[in-house]
Amino acid sequence: MTGRDAKCVFRGFAVAYAAAALTCAAQTATTEAPIEKTFTEGDVKLEISIDPAAVDLGRDTIVSIHLAHPEGIDVNIPDEMSGRFEGFDLAGYYSTPHAPAGGLASTTYNFRLTPKPGAERYRIRPFAVITTDTSVHPAAKRWFSTEIIPIPSGPTASTAPGTVSTSIEPVYIRPSFRNLPRILGGIALLAGVVLTALWSVSRIRISRKIRRMTPRERAFHELARLLSRKLAEKGQFKDFYIELTMVVRRYIERSFGIRAPRQTTEEFLSNATGREEFSTESIALLKQFLSAADLVKFAGVSATIETAAEAVAKARGYLESEPSQLDSFERKDLGTALASKEAGK
């Protein structure tokens, strides 16, 4: 081969290599060029640009919507666009209005989309564009719709790299601090339910215990609870006397069946006088006790700690000295049982 032939061969290889490089570059440029779609309606022009042209799970997809229209026409796209991007999560959005030029106004809307791994498809659904011509009266409203714009998926590796572990094992993920208020709220709610349940059970137990008491035991229980409230020490004498007389009246109702809590002092004394359950001394003591309390409750007579203590002593003395009907029945039953026992011997 001569030197001239060698030069020709070298030139041929160089030309072929350059052609191949240009072809590869053209293919790469064609692949990486953004997807662009244009829609027009009269003087209104809408351009959509999607970059990159294929979905890449390793990067976000940028969608730009550019609107150009005459200054006398208002053009709007839907306020909520997240539902129009199928297979993506909306990661960010901003709009850029441009200065009017040549009687045309324009605005660019930019959306940053994050592809969802494993999505069935990636595309932009049709959306309505509303135009309002304010140069006429009344303003003329029109609209037009875009079309579905599919976005192809990028190539994915068929096999995982050798340095990456493909075994599936449970991985602990620390809860996000954004969920901390919900977690604390749930704990507080659960604690409230538990405390309410415990309080309800305690109330039921106390109620059962009170119902099993004799009328005298229950009256002394109510008296102790009244004294623990310290109404007299707080100067609430009217409330104190009302509650104190109700302790005695409820005791009489439970013991003898007289509705003393629902009767006035005169009605109660008239009903109780002459009954065998009440002695003359008991009637006199009750009349003195209830009448003195009525003066404080209804006549506005001033009371003191000393007079309140005296009223408590009178109530306690009546409860200790007056046998209830239930106590009488218990004594009779005990006597009958002892007599039967002696007869059996």
Protein backbone atom coordinates (compact mmCIF):
# COMPACT_ATOMS: atom_id res chain seq x y z
CA MET A 1 0.00 0.00 0.00
CA THR A 2 1.41 3.35 -0.96
CA GLY A 3 1.51 6.40 1.26
CA ARG A 4 -1.25 8.00 -0.77
CA ASP A 5 -3.51 4.97 -0.29
CA ALA A 6 -2.85 5.02 3.47
CA LYS A 7 -3.88 8.67 3.69
CA CYS A 8 -7.11 7.91 1.86
CA VAL A 9 -7.91 5.05 4.24
CA PHE A 10 -7.20 7.25 7.29
CA ARG A 11 -9.43 10.01 5.92
CA GLY A 12 -12.20 7.48 5.32
CA PHE A 13 -12.02 6.24 8.94
CA ALA A 14 -12.04 9.84 10.23
CA VAL A 15 -15.12 10.74 8.18
CA ALA A 16 -16.94 7.60 9.33
CA TYR A 17 -16.08 8.27 12.99
CA ALA A 18 -17.27 11.89 12.75
CA ALA A 19 -20.52 10.80 11.13
CA ALA A 20 -21.14 8.24 13.86
CA ALA A 21 -20.39 10.81 16.58
CA LEU A 22 -22.78 13.33 15.01
CA THR A 23 -25.49 10.68 14.73
CA CYS A 24 -25.05 9.68 18.39
CA ALA A 25 -25.12 13.32 19.51
CA ALA A 26 -28.26 13.96 17.50
CA GLN A 27 -29.96 10.92 19.05
CA THR A 28 -28.91 12.02 22.53
CA ALA A 29 -30.15 15.55 21.93
CA THR A 30 -33.44 14.20 20.57
CA THR A 31 -33.86 11.96 23.64
CA GLU A 32 -33.07 14.66 26.18
CA ALA A 33 -35.12 17.43 24.52
CA PRO A 34 -38.15 18.42 26.66
CA ILE A 35 -41.66 17.45 25.60
CA GLU A 36 -43.42 20.51 24.23
CA LYS A 37 -47.11 20.89 23.40
CA THR A 38 -48.93 23.99 22.13
CA PHE A 39 -52.64 24.77 22.31
CA THR A 40 -54.27 27.86 20.80
CA GLU A 41 -57.75 29.35 21.00
CA GLY A 42 -58.10 32.56 19.05
CA ASP A 43 -55.45 34.99 20.31
CA VAL A 44 -54.72 32.87 23.38
CA LYS A 45 -51.69 30.59 23.23
CA LEU A 46 -50.78 27.92 25.80
CA GLU A 47 -47.44 26.11 25.72
CA ILE A 48 -46.56 23.13 27.93
CA SER A 49 -42.95 22.05 28.43
CA ILE A 50 -41.98 18.85 30.28
CA ASP A 51 -38.36 18.29 31.33
CA PRO A 52 -36.98 15.62 31.26
CA ALA A 53 -38.86 14.01 28.40
CA ALA A 54 -38.82 10.61 30.15
CA VAL A 55 -39.59 9.89 33.80
CA ASP A 56 -36.45 9.42 35.88
CA LEU A 57 -37.09 8.21 39.44
CA GLY A 58 -33.81 9.79 40.50
CA ARG A 59 -34.86 13.37 39.71
CA ASP A 60 -37.93 15.59 39.67
CA THR A 61 -39.88 16.44 36.56
CA ILE A 62 -40.42 20.13 35.79
CA VAL A 63 -43.63 21.12 34.00
CA SER A 64 -43.86 24.72 32.72
CA ILE A 65 -47.14 26.14 31.42
CA HIS A 66 -46.71 29.41 29.51
CA LEU A 67 -49.81 31.50 28.74
CA ALA A 68 -49.74 34.39 26.25
CA HIS A 69 -52.85 36.49 25.52
CA PRO A 70 -53.95 40.03 24.64
CA GLU A 71 -54.03 42.46 27.56
CA GLY A 72 -57.82 42.80 27.34
CA ILE A 73 -58.35 39.09 27.95
CA ASP A 74 -57.96 37.37 31.32
CA VAL A 75 -56.81 33.75 31.13
CA ASN A 76 -56.86 31.32 34.07
CA ILE A 77 -55.98 27.68 34.61
CA PRO A 78 -57.52 25.60 37.49
CA ASP A 79 -56.41 26.65 40.99
CA GLU A 80 -55.90 23.02 42.01
CA MET A 81 -53.58 21.29 39.52
CA SER A 82 -52.22 18.43 41.68
CA GLY A 83 -54.95 16.07 40.48
CA ARG A 84 -53.92 16.68 36.84
CA PHE A 85 -50.49 15.08 37.24
CA GLU A 86 -51.03 11.31 37.22
CA GLY A 87 -48.17 9.27 38.68
CA PHE A 88 -46.59 12.28 40.40
CA ASP A 89 -46.63 14.08 43.74
CA LEU A 90 -46.67 17.87 43.57
CA ALA A 91 -43.47 18.98 45.33
CA GLY A 92 -43.57 22.72 44.54
CA TYR A 93 -45.26 25.42 42.51
CA TYR A 94 -44.72 29.07 41.61
CA SER A 95 -45.87 31.46 38.89
CA THR A 96 -43.97 34.21 37.09
CA PRO A 97 -45.89 37.06 35.41
CA HIS A 98 -44.03 38.75 32.56
CA ALA A 99 -44.15 42.39 31.50
CA PRO A 100 -46.56 43.02 28.60
CA ALA A 101 -44.88 43.23 25.21
CA GLY A 102 -46.52 44.12 21.91
CA GLY A 103 -49.99 44.25 23.48
CA LEU A 104 -49.61 40.71 24.83
CA ALA A 105 -49.51 39.68 28.50
CA SER A 106 -47.95 36.40 29.56
CA THR A 107 -47.51 34.27 32.67
CA THR A 108 -45.47 31.12 33.29
CA TYR A 109 -46.61 28.51 35.81
CA ASN A 110 -43.88 26.15 37.03
CA PHE A 111 -44.61 22.83 38.74
CA ARG A 112 -42.02 20.55 40.35
CA LEU A 113 -43.24 16.94 40.29
CA THR A 114 -41.81 13.93 42.10
CA PRO A 115 -42.42 10.61 40.28
CA LYS A 116 -44.14 7.87 42.26
CA PRO A 117 -42.19 4.59 42.09
CA GLY A 118 -44.24 1.79 40.59
CA ALA A 119 -46.93 4.09 39.17
CA GLU A 120 -49.07 2.49 36.48
CA ARG A 121 -48.54 5.41 34.11
CA TYR A 122 -47.23 8.95 34.02
CA ARG A 123 -49.19 11.63 32.20
CA ILE A 124 -50.79 15.07 32.38
CA ARG A 125 -54.56 14.90 32.29
CA PRO A 126 -56.61 17.44 30.31
CA PHE A 127 -57.56 20.65 32.11
CA ALA A 128 -59.78 23.59 31.21
CA VAL A 129 -58.44 27.04 30.35
CA ILE A 130 -60.98 29.85 30.96
CA THR A 131 -60.74 33.10 29.02
CA THR A 132 -62.64 36.28 29.89
CA ASP A 133 -62.78 39.11 27.34
CA THR A 134 -63.13 42.30 29.41
CA SER A 135 -62.96 44.59 26.38
CA VAL A 136 -66.68 44.04 25.71
CA HIS A 137 -69.71 44.52 27.95
CA PRO A 138 -70.84 42.24 29.32
CA ALA A 139 -67.57 40.34 29.55
CA ALA A 140 -67.49 37.30 27.29
CA LYS A 141 -66.38 34.05 28.90
CA ARG A 142 -65.07 31.11 26.90
CA TRP A 143 -62.99 28.06 27.58
CA PHE A 144 -60.99 25.38 25.85
CA SER A 145 -59.41 22.14 26.99
CA THR A 146 -55.95 20.64 26.65
CA GLU A 147 -55.26 17.03 25.72
CA ILE A 148 -53.74 14.07 27.53
CA ILE A 149 -49.94 14.28 27.44
CA PRO A 150 -48.30 10.90 28.18
CA ILE A 151 -44.78 10.93 29.63
CA PRO A 152 -42.72 7.82 28.87
CA SER A 153 -40.82 5.99 31.61
CA GLY A 154 -37.04 6.06 31.52
CA PRO A 155 -34.94 2.88 31.28
CA THR A 156 -34.49 0.94 34.51
CA ALA A 157 -31.77 -1.54 35.40
CA SER A 158 -32.86 -5.13 35.03
CA THR A 159 -30.50 -6.34 37.76
CA ALA A 160 -29.28 -4.73 40.92
CA PRO A 161 -25.60 -3.85 41.30
CA GLY A 162 -23.51 -6.39 43.09
CA THR A 163 -22.71 -3.93 45.90
CA VAL A 164 -26.38 -3.43 46.77
CA SER A 165 -28.08 -5.90 49.08
CA THR A 166 -31.36 -7.17 47.65
CA SER A 167 -32.48 -9.07 50.74
CA ILE A 168 -35.74 -7.87 52.24
CA GLU A 169 -35.42 -7.30 55.97
CA PRO A 170 -37.50 -5.19 58.37
CA VAL A 171 -36.01 -1.76 58.93
CA TYR A 172 -36.97 0.44 61.89
CA ILE A 173 -38.06 3.88 60.80
CA ARG A 174 -38.10 6.50 63.53
CA PRO A 175 -41.50 8.26 63.78
CA SER A 176 -41.54 11.72 62.32
CA PHE A 177 -41.74 14.66 64.74
CA ARG A 178 -44.67 15.91 62.68
CA ASN A 179 -46.73 13.04 64.12
CA LEU A 180 -45.66 13.80 67.71
CA PRO A 181 -48.78 15.92 68.51
CA ARG A 182 -51.01 13.10 67.25
CA ILE A 183 -49.15 10.52 69.31
CA LEU A 184 -49.32 12.67 72.45
CA GLY A 185 -52.99 13.39 71.77
CA GLY A 186 -53.70 9.66 71.45
CA ILE A 187 -51.87 8.93 74.70
CA ALA A 188 -53.79 11.72 76.47
CA LEU A 189 -57.09 10.41 75.09
CA LEU A 190 -56.29 6.86 76.21
CA ALA A 191 -55.28 8.12 79.67
CA GLY A 192 -58.53 10.09 79.88
CA VAL A 193 -60.57 7.00 78.99
CA VAL A 194 -58.75 4.90 81.58
CA LEU A 195 -59.15 7.55 84.30
CA THR A 196 -62.84 7.97 83.47
CA ALA A 197 -63.35 4.21 83.67
CA LEU A 198 -61.55 4.03 87.04
CA TRP A 199 -63.56 6.98 88.34
CA SER A 200 -66.82 5.35 87.20
CA VAL A 201 -65.92 2.04 88.87
CA SER A 202 -65.02 3.88 92.07
CA ARG A 203 -68.30 5.80 92.01
CA ILE A 204 -70.25 2.56 91.49
CA ARG A 205 -68.48 0.90 94.41
CA ILE A 206 -69.13 3.87 96.69
CA SER A 207 -72.77 3.98 95.58
CA ARG A 208 -73.21 0.27 96.34
CA LYS A 209 -71.57 0.69 99.72
CA ILE A 210 -73.86 3.61 100.58
CA ARG A 211 -76.99 1.70 99.50
CA ARG A 212 -76.06 -1.15 101.85
CA MET A 213 -75.85 1.19 104.86
CA THR A 214 -78.61 1.49 107.42
CA PRO A 215 -80.48 4.83 107.48
CA ARG A 216 -78.46 5.95 110.53
CA GLU A 217 -75.10 4.97 108.97
CA ARG A 218 -76.03 6.74 105.75
CA ALA A 219 -77.07 9.87 107.64
CA PHE A 220 -73.75 10.01 109.50
CA HIS A 221 -71.93 9.46 106.19
CA GLU A 222 -73.78 12.41 104.63
CA LEU A 223 -73.08 14.53 107.73
CA ALA A 224 -69.35 13.80 107.57
CA ARG A 225 -69.27 14.67 103.87
CA LEU A 226 -71.10 17.94 104.58
CA LEU A 227 -68.65 18.93 107.32
CA SER A 228 -65.68 18.15 105.03
CA ARG A 229 -66.92 20.85 102.62
CA LYS A 230 -66.45 23.52 105.37
CA LEU A 231 -69.37 25.66 104.17
CA ALA A 232 -69.72 27.37 107.55
CA GLU A 233 -66.02 28.27 107.65
CA LYS A 234 -66.42 29.83 104.18
CA GLY A 235 -69.36 31.94 105.35
CA GLN A 236 -71.92 30.01 103.26
CA PHE A 237 -74.33 29.54 106.19
CA LYS A 238 -77.52 29.37 104.11
CA ASP A 239 -76.20 26.51 102.01
CA PHE A 240 -74.86 24.84 105.15
CA TYR A 241 -78.23 24.88 106.93
CA ILE A 242 -80.06 23.65 103.82
CA GLU A 243 -77.75 20.66 103.52
CA LEU A 244 -77.78 19.97 107.28
CA THR A 245 -81.59 19.87 107.50
CA MET A 246 -81.72 17.67 104.38
CA VAL A 247 -79.48 15.11 106.14
CA VAL A 248 -82.04 14.83 108.95
CA ARG A 249 -85.05 14.92 106.61
CA ARG A 250 -83.66 12.15 104.39
CA TYR A 251 -82.92 10.06 107.48
CA ILE A 252 -86.57 10.40 108.57
CA GLU A 253 -87.80 9.50 105.08
CA ARG A 254 -85.65 6.36 104.88
CA SER A 255 -86.47 5.29 108.45
CA PHE A 256 -90.20 6.05 108.75
CA GLY A 257 -91.48 6.54 105.21
CA ILE A 258 -92.41 10.21 105.73
CA ARG A 259 -91.53 12.43 102.76
CA ALA A 260 -89.83 14.99 104.95
CA PRO A 261 -87.51 16.37 102.22
CA ARG A 262 -90.54 17.44 100.16
CA GLN A 263 -92.53 19.01 103.03
CA THR A 264 -92.32 22.32 104.85
CA THR A 265 -91.42 22.29 108.52
CA GLU A 266 -95.09 22.85 109.49
CA GLU A 267 -96.30 20.05 107.20
CA PHE A 268 -93.73 17.61 108.51
CA LEU A 269 -94.36 18.38 112.20
CA SER A 270 -98.13 18.09 111.67
CA ASN A 271 -97.66 14.72 109.97
CA ALA A 272 -95.19 13.40 112.54
CA THR A 273 -97.06 14.49 115.70
CA GLY A 274 -99.08 11.64 117.14
CA ARG A 275 -97.18 8.87 115.37
CA GLU A 276 -95.75 6.20 117.63
CA GLU A 277 -92.34 6.43 115.91
CA PHE A 278 -91.82 9.93 117.34
CA SER A 279 -91.75 10.68 121.04
CA THR A 280 -92.77 14.03 122.50
CA GLU A 281 -89.13 14.84 123.17
CA SER A 282 -88.19 14.02 119.54
CA ILE A 283 -90.94 16.26 118.15
CA ALA A 284 -89.80 19.13 120.40
CA LEU A 285 -86.15 18.66 119.40
CA LEU A 286 -87.00 18.51 115.69
CA LYS A 287 -89.23 21.59 115.93
CA GLN A 288 -86.48 23.60 117.62
CA PHE A 289 -83.82 22.38 115.15
CA LEU A 290 -85.85 22.91 111.96
CA SER A 291 -87.33 26.25 113.01
CA ALA A 292 -83.89 27.68 113.85
CA ALA A 293 -82.62 26.50 110.45
CA ASP A 294 -85.60 28.09 108.66
CA LEU A 295 -84.75 31.46 110.20
CA VAL A 296 -81.32 31.32 108.56
CA LYS A 297 -82.55 29.88 105.25
CA PHE A 298 -85.61 32.06 104.69
CA ALA A 299 -85.72 34.94 107.19
CA GLY A 300 -82.16 36.14 106.66
CA VAL A 301 -81.12 35.71 110.30
CA SER A 302 -77.35 35.90 110.67
CA ALA A 303 -75.50 32.77 111.73
CA THR A 304 -72.07 32.20 113.21
CA ILE A 305 -69.62 29.34 113.50
CA GLU A 306 -70.89 28.76 117.03
CA THR A 307 -74.58 28.55 116.05
CA ALA A 308 -73.67 26.23 113.15
CA ALA A 309 -71.76 23.98 115.58
CA GLU A 310 -74.79 23.91 117.89
CA ALA A 311 -77.04 22.92 114.96
CA VAL A 312 -74.65 20.08 114.09
CA ALA A 313 -74.68 18.90 117.70
CA LYS A 314 -78.52 18.86 117.74
CA ALA A 315 -78.65 16.91 114.45
CA ARG A 316 -76.05 14.45 115.69
CA GLY A 317 -77.87 14.04 119.01
CA TYR A 318 -81.17 13.29 117.27
CA LEU A 319 -79.56 10.75 114.95
CA GLU A 320 -77.84 8.99 117.87
CA SER A 321 -80.87 8.94 120.19
CA GLU A 322 -83.77 8.24 117.84
CA PRO A 323 -84.07 4.55 116.84
CA SER A 324 -85.15 4.05 113.24
CA GLN A 325 -87.85 1.62 112.19
CA LEU A 326 -85.20 -0.50 110.47
CA ASP A 327 -83.19 -0.72 113.71
CA SER A 328 -86.35 -1.84 115.54
CA PHE A 329 -86.92 -4.61 112.99
CA GLU A 330 -83.31 -5.73 113.33
CA ARG A 331 -83.64 -5.93 117.14
CA LYS A 332 -86.88 -7.93 116.84
CA ASP A 333 -85.29 -10.36 114.39
CA LEU A 334 -82.29 -10.78 116.70
CA GLY A 335 -84.55 -11.43 119.71
CA THR A 336 -86.60 -13.99 117.76
CA ALA A 337 -83.44 -15.75 116.64
CA LEU A 338 -82.09 -15.92 120.23
CA ALA A 339 -85.42 -17.23 121.56
CA SER A 340 -85.50 -19.96 118.90
CA LYS A 341 -81.96 -20.94 119.79
CA GLU A 342 -82.80 -21.22 123.50
CA ALA A 343 -85.94 -23.29 122.74
CA GLY A 344 -83.87 -25.66 120.63
CA LYS A 345 -81.61 -26.39 123.56
